[in-house]
């Protein structure tokens, strides 16, 4: 299927690895012109149809600088993918979590997307062509909220709420905004040297591979984590004009983890 993304200008945040890198590769393969933002862009150098941009998206000016670079380079922004984010396991419980740690999580997981969206919408509103925004959220925003990632879940819940509200305001102006909510994904966030599985294993005296197996046994009927490429495919579909009447929606990709019916 042609997703009709040829020469669309797509901005991706948190683009250097994991889901972000998979989104960059998927959009570029569809013929889009991708501006890829991340603190380290070494893995993005030399990729066809990709313009890397080194930026700290957790700073107040970073997201706007990324959008401005895309406009300066390509003249516009057609698609924004808010992917940047990180979760830290809070094994010490709620009382060990400081205001500074909570604020840092909100900056990266919520405010970075909010600021990028504000800058992208300002550009999209100046043109007649439609625009699309896709947020990469998390099942932690609503599914059995986990105290171990309380700050991350709260930030992702805020992002989902804002996306739903914005969809009502922006739809009459030709801008769609949707969310993708992955469960566990086979990335460094979950399976890396300092990822969720390794952190839990170190605290419990177990092995990361055993923690990984327990996560799957805990309720994933497919028997595995999602891949970054699977998440990226869903993101690209929501960015595509093929889904032009979809807005304000959230799509799960979780291997069947969530058993309840969602609105």
Protein backbone atom coordinates (compact mmCIF):
# COMPACT_ATOMS: atom_id res chain seq x y z
CA UNK A 1 0.00 0.00 0.00
CA UNK A 2 1.25 3.46 -0.92
CA UNK A 3 0.92 5.62 2.20
CA UNK A 4 1.10 8.79 0.06
CA UNK A 5 3.98 10.19 2.10
CA UNK A 6 6.26 10.89 -0.85
CA UNK A 7 8.17 14.15 -0.22
CA UNK A 8 6.17 14.90 2.93
CA UNK A 9 8.33 16.72 5.47
CA UNK A 10 8.28 14.65 8.66
CA UNK A 11 9.92 15.62 11.95
CA UNK A 12 10.75 12.82 14.40
CA UNK A 13 11.91 13.43 17.97
CA UNK A 14 14.08 10.99 19.89
CA UNK A 15 15.13 9.64 16.51
CA UNK A 16 18.52 8.03 17.06
CA UNK A 17 17.49 4.62 18.39
CA UNK A 18 14.64 2.32 19.31
CA UNK A 19 11.16 3.28 18.16
CA UNK A 20 12.35 6.69 16.92
CA UNK A 21 14.97 5.22 14.62
CA UNK A 22 12.44 2.68 13.30
CA UNK A 23 10.01 5.52 12.57
CA UNK A 24 12.74 7.43 10.71
CA UNK A 25 13.56 4.39 8.58
CA UNK A 26 9.90 3.62 7.87
CA UNK A 27 9.01 7.17 6.84
CA UNK A 28 12.11 7.52 4.67
CA UNK A 29 11.31 4.21 2.96
CA UNK A 30 7.88 5.67 2.12
CA UNK A 31 9.60 8.56 0.36
CA UNK A 32 9.23 11.18 3.08
CA UNK A 33 11.88 13.79 3.83
CA UNK A 34 12.69 13.22 7.49
CA UNK A 35 14.22 15.69 9.92
CA UNK A 36 15.48 13.54 12.79
CA UNK A 37 16.12 15.17 16.15
CA UNK A 38 18.14 13.64 18.99
CA UNK A 39 20.94 14.58 21.38
CA UNK A 40 23.34 12.26 19.53
CA UNK A 41 22.88 11.87 15.78
CA UNK A 42 25.81 9.65 14.84
CA UNK A 43 23.52 6.76 13.93
CA UNK A 44 21.53 9.04 11.61
CA UNK A 45 24.38 10.46 9.56
CA UNK A 46 24.42 9.50 5.88
CA UNK A 47 20.91 8.05 5.75
CA UNK A 48 19.04 8.67 2.51
CA UNK A 49 16.25 11.27 2.78
CA UNK A 50 17.17 11.99 6.43
CA UNK A 51 18.44 15.29 7.86
CA UNK A 52 19.86 14.76 11.37
CA UNK A 53 19.68 17.60 13.88
CA UNK A 54 21.48 17.45 17.23
CA UNK A 55 19.27 18.92 19.94
CA UNK A 56 18.43 18.51 23.62
CA UNK A 57 14.66 18.15 23.51
CA UNK A 58 14.32 18.38 27.29
CA UNK A 59 15.21 22.08 27.19
CA UNK A 60 12.59 24.81 26.70
CA UNK A 61 14.04 25.89 23.35
CA UNK A 62 15.04 22.48 21.95
CA UNK A 63 11.75 21.35 20.37
CA UNK A 64 11.14 24.74 18.76
CA UNK A 65 14.70 24.77 17.40
CA UNK A 66 14.08 21.38 15.77
CA UNK A 67 10.89 22.55 14.08
CA UNK A 68 12.57 25.77 12.98
CA UNK A 69 15.40 23.75 11.43
CA UNK A 70 12.91 21.64 9.49
CA UNK A 71 11.15 24.74 8.16
CA UNK A 72 14.46 26.38 7.27
CA UNK A 73 15.64 23.24 5.47
CA UNK A 74 12.46 22.14 3.70
CA UNK A 75 10.13 25.12 3.90
CA UNK A 76 7.42 23.47 6.01
CA UNK A 77 6.42 20.67 8.38
CA UNK A 78 3.74 18.21 7.23
CA UNK A 79 4.06 15.56 9.93
CA UNK A 80 5.35 15.63 13.51
CA UNK A 81 6.09 12.42 15.40
CA UNK A 82 6.53 13.08 19.12
CA UNK A 83 8.53 10.05 20.14
CA UNK A 84 11.19 11.26 22.58
CA UNK A 85 10.87 9.86 26.09
CA UNK A 86 12.43 7.74 28.79
CA UNK A 87 11.30 5.81 31.84
CA UNK A 88 13.29 5.25 35.01
CA UNK A 89 12.28 2.52 37.44
CA UNK A 90 11.61 4.00 40.88
CA UNK A 91 12.40 1.03 43.08
CA UNK A 92 12.55 3.18 46.22
CA UNK A 93 8.85 3.99 46.11
CA UNK A 94 6.96 7.26 45.98
CA UNK A 95 8.70 8.92 48.93
CA UNK A 96 12.08 8.47 47.26
CA UNK A 97 10.98 10.40 44.17
CA UNK A 98 11.99 14.06 44.37
CA UNK A 99 10.33 17.05 42.79
CA UNK A 100 13.39 17.42 40.57
CA UNK A 101 13.11 13.85 39.28
CA UNK A 102 9.39 14.22 38.63
CA UNK A 103 9.96 17.53 36.86
CA UNK A 104 12.73 16.05 34.69
CA UNK A 105 10.41 13.24 33.61
CA UNK A 106 7.66 15.71 32.76
CA UNK A 107 10.10 17.85 30.77
CA UNK A 108 11.18 14.97 28.54
CA UNK A 109 7.98 12.91 28.33
CA UNK A 110 5.40 15.69 28.21
CA UNK A 111 6.76 19.20 27.72
CA UNK A 112 9.07 18.22 24.85
CA UNK A 113 6.04 16.99 22.89
CA UNK A 114 3.93 19.96 23.94
CA UNK A 115 6.57 22.43 22.75
CA UNK A 116 7.22 20.61 19.50
CA UNK A 117 3.48 20.46 18.84
CA UNK A 118 3.09 24.18 19.51
CA UNK A 119 5.86 25.03 17.04
CA UNK A 120 4.65 22.59 14.39
CA UNK A 121 1.03 23.73 14.62
CA UNK A 122 2.12 27.35 14.19
CA UNK A 123 3.70 26.35 10.87
CA UNK A 124 0.87 24.05 9.75
CA UNK A 125 -1.79 26.70 10.35
CA UNK A 126 -0.11 28.99 7.86
CA UNK A 127 -0.79 26.61 4.97
CA UNK A 128 -3.82 25.08 3.30
CA UNK A 129 -2.27 21.61 3.16
CA UNK A 130 -3.34 19.26 5.97
CA UNK A 131 -0.98 18.35 8.79
CA UNK A 132 -0.63 15.31 11.03
CA UNK A 133 0.79 14.79 14.52
CA UNK A 134 1.41 11.37 16.04
CA UNK A 135 2.37 10.98 19.70
CA UNK A 136 4.12 7.84 20.94
CA UNK A 137 2.53 7.29 24.33
CA UNK A 138 2.45 4.25 26.58
CA UNK A 139 0.01 1.82 28.15
CA UNK A 140 1.38 3.14 31.45
CA UNK A 141 -0.83 6.18 30.91
CA UNK A 142 -3.92 4.12 31.77
CA UNK A 143 -3.27 0.39 32.21
CA UNK A 144 -2.74 -0.67 35.83
CA UNK A 145 -0.64 2.43 36.56
CA UNK A 146 2.65 1.22 38.01
CA UNK A 147 4.23 3.01 40.96
CA UNK A 148 7.62 2.00 39.62
CA UNK A 149 7.17 4.42 36.72
CA UNK A 150 4.73 6.81 38.37
CA UNK A 151 6.29 9.94 36.87
CA UNK A 152 6.53 8.44 33.38
CA UNK A 153 2.91 7.25 33.46
CA UNK A 154 1.66 10.63 34.65
CA UNK A 155 3.53 12.42 31.87
CA UNK A 156 2.18 10.08 29.19
CA UNK A 157 -1.35 10.43 30.58
CA UNK A 158 -1.04 14.21 30.34
CA UNK A 159 0.15 13.92 26.74
CA UNK A 160 -2.78 11.71 25.81
CA UNK A 161 -5.24 14.12 27.43
CA UNK A 162 -3.78 17.11 25.59
CA UNK A 163 -3.86 15.24 22.28
CA UNK A 164 -7.55 14.45 22.71
CA UNK A 165 -8.37 18.06 23.55
CA UNK A 166 -6.27 19.43 20.68
CA UNK A 167 -7.93 17.10 18.19
CA UNK A 168 -11.18 18.98 18.74
CA UNK A 169 -9.59 22.39 18.16
CA UNK A 170 -7.34 21.47 15.25
CA UNK A 171 -9.54 19.16 13.16
CA UNK A 172 -11.57 22.01 11.59
CA UNK A 173 -8.24 23.57 10.60
CA UNK A 174 -7.03 20.46 8.77
CA UNK A 175 -4.63 19.14 11.42
CA UNK A 176 -5.02 15.63 12.83
CA UNK A 177 -3.49 14.44 16.10
CA UNK A 178 -3.44 10.81 17.22
CA UNK A 179 -1.56 8.63 19.67
CA UNK A 180 0.04 5.20 19.65
CA UNK A 181 0.31 3.43 23.01
CA UNK A 182 2.84 0.60 23.02
CA UNK A 183 3.18 -1.97 25.71
CA UNK A 184 6.67 -3.42 26.23
CA UNK A 185 8.84 -3.02 23.13
CA UNK A 186 12.11 -4.78 22.36
CA UNK A 187 14.30 -1.68 22.78
CA UNK A 188 17.09 -0.61 25.13
CA UNK A 189 14.47 1.04 27.34
CA UNK A 190 13.24 -2.42 28.27
CA UNK A 191 16.04 -4.82 27.40
CA UNK A 192 19.24 -2.74 27.33
CA UNK A 193 22.13 -2.89 29.77
CA UNK A 194 20.46 -0.32 32.03
CA UNK A 195 16.89 -1.01 30.94
CA UNK A 196 13.82 -2.05 32.91
CA UNK A 197 14.62 -5.78 32.98
CA UNK A 198 18.23 -5.24 34.05
CA UNK A 199 17.24 -2.74 36.75
CA UNK A 200 14.63 -5.04 38.27
CA UNK A 201 17.00 -8.01 38.06
CA UNK A 202 19.78 -6.13 39.84
CA UNK A 203 17.43 -5.14 42.65
CA UNK A 204 16.00 -8.64 43.07
CA UNK A 205 19.19 -10.63 42.55
CA UNK A 206 17.80 -12.31 39.44
CA UNK A 207 18.73 -12.38 35.78
CA UNK A 208 17.50 -9.89 33.16
CA UNK A 209 16.38 -12.71 30.86
CA UNK A 210 14.25 -14.17 33.67
CA UNK A 211 12.63 -10.78 34.31
CA UNK A 212 11.94 -10.51 30.57
CA UNK A 213 10.27 -13.93 30.58
CA UNK A 214 8.20 -13.00 33.63
CA UNK A 215 6.97 -9.83 31.92
CA UNK A 216 5.75 -11.88 28.97
CA UNK A 217 4.19 -14.54 31.20
CA UNK A 218 2.45 -11.75 33.11
CA UNK A 219 -0.14 -11.31 30.40
CA UNK A 220 1.09 -11.05 26.80
CA UNK A 221 -0.83 -13.67 24.78
CA UNK A 222 1.43 -13.25 21.74
CA UNK A 223 4.35 -14.45 23.86
CA UNK A 224 6.70 -11.62 22.95
CA UNK A 225 7.36 -7.89 23.09
CA UNK A 226 6.43 -5.73 20.12
CA UNK A 227 9.23 -4.72 17.79
CA UNK A 228 10.16 -1.09 17.08
CA UNK A 229 9.33 -1.70 13.41
CA UNK A 230 5.78 -2.78 14.29
CA UNK A 231 5.23 0.40 16.28
CA UNK A 232 6.74 2.45 13.45
CA UNK A 233 4.35 0.91 10.93
CA UNK A 234 1.38 2.05 13.02
CA UNK A 235 2.88 5.53 13.38
CA UNK A 236 3.39 5.82 9.61
CA UNK A 237 -0.17 4.72 8.93
CA UNK A 238 -1.54 7.42 11.25
CA UNK A 239 0.74 10.00 9.61
CA UNK A 240 -0.57 9.02 6.20
CA UNK A 241 -3.37 10.77 4.28
CA UNK A 242 -4.83 7.26 3.98
CA UNK A 243 -6.19 7.80 7.51
CA UNK A 244 -7.35 11.36 6.87
CA UNK A 245 -10.52 11.07 8.94
CA UNK A 246 -8.83 9.61 12.02
CA UNK A 247 -8.12 12.11 14.79
CA UNK A 248 -8.25 12.14 18.56
CA UNK A 249 -7.68 8.38 18.61
CA UNK A 250 -5.28 6.19 20.54
CA UNK A 251 -4.10 2.84 19.15
CA UNK A 252 -2.71 0.07 21.33
CA UNK A 253 0.12 -2.18 20.25
CA UNK A 254 0.75 -4.36 23.26
CA UNK A 255 0.66 -8.05 22.33
CA UNK A 256 -2.75 -8.37 23.98
CA UNK A 257 -1.56 -7.08 27.37
CA UNK A 258 -4.60 -4.85 27.95
CA UNK A 259 -7.65 -7.07 28.37
CA UNK A 260 -10.29 -4.43 29.06
CA UNK A 261 -12.41 -2.65 26.48
CA UNK A 262 -11.14 0.91 26.03
CA UNK A 263 -13.34 3.85 24.93
